[in-house]
């Protein structure tokens, strides 16, 4: 589980590859599974 988070962070901060919507969904799913919530910047910009 920790490895999954590290992989997500590695992808997120990797300059060689853009952040994709499906990555957000995977991350959100992982957070939901552990009872955590995050506020995505995209959601803030839409308001």
Protein backbone atom coordinates (compact mmCIF):
# COMPACT_ATOMS: atom_id res chain seq x y z
CA UNK A 1 0.00 0.00 0.00
CA UNK A 2 2.83 2.36 0.82
CA UNK A 3 4.48 1.36 -2.44
CA UNK A 4 1.33 2.33 -4.32
CA UNK A 5 1.42 5.80 -2.79
CA UNK A 6 5.11 6.18 -3.57
CA UNK A 7 4.50 5.12 -7.17
CA UNK A 8 1.72 7.69 -7.48
CA UNK A 9 3.95 10.42 -6.06
CA UNK A 10 6.80 9.35 -8.34
CA UNK A 11 4.50 9.61 -11.35
CA UNK A 12 3.04 12.90 -10.14
CA UNK A 13 6.44 14.55 -9.78
CA UNK A 14 7.94 12.94 -12.87
CA UNK A 15 8.71 15.57 -15.51
CA UNK A 16 8.93 12.94 -18.24
CA UNK A 17 5.23 12.14 -18.09
CA UNK A 18 2.16 14.37 -17.71
CA UNK A 19 -0.38 13.77 -14.97
CA UNK A 20 -3.40 11.97 -16.41
CA UNK A 21 -7.04 11.90 -15.22
CA UNK A 22 -6.90 8.14 -14.65
CA UNK A 23 -4.01 8.71 -12.24
CA UNK A 24 -6.24 11.06 -10.24
CA UNK A 25 -8.93 8.38 -10.08
CA UNK A 26 -6.43 5.75 -8.91
CA UNK A 27 -5.13 8.11 -6.25
CA UNK A 28 -8.63 9.10 -5.14
CA UNK A 29 -9.61 5.43 -4.90
CA UNK A 30 -6.51 4.66 -2.81
CA UNK A 31 -7.25 7.58 -0.48
CA UNK A 32 -10.91 6.54 -0.15
CA UNK A 33 -9.87 3.00 0.77
CA UNK A 34 -7.86 4.39 3.68
CA UNK A 35 -10.52 6.81 4.88
CA UNK A 36 -8.64 9.86 3.68
CA UNK A 37 -9.88 12.75 1.62
CA UNK A 38 -8.10 15.28 -0.53
CA UNK A 39 -9.17 18.49 -2.19
CA UNK A 40 -8.09 18.56 -5.79
CA UNK A 41 -6.90 21.88 -7.19
CA UNK A 42 -9.10 21.35 -10.24
CA UNK A 43 -12.19 21.31 -8.02
CA UNK A 44 -11.14 24.60 -6.42
CA UNK A 45 -10.63 26.25 -9.79
CA UNK A 46 -14.08 25.25 -11.02
CA UNK A 47 -15.88 26.99 -8.15
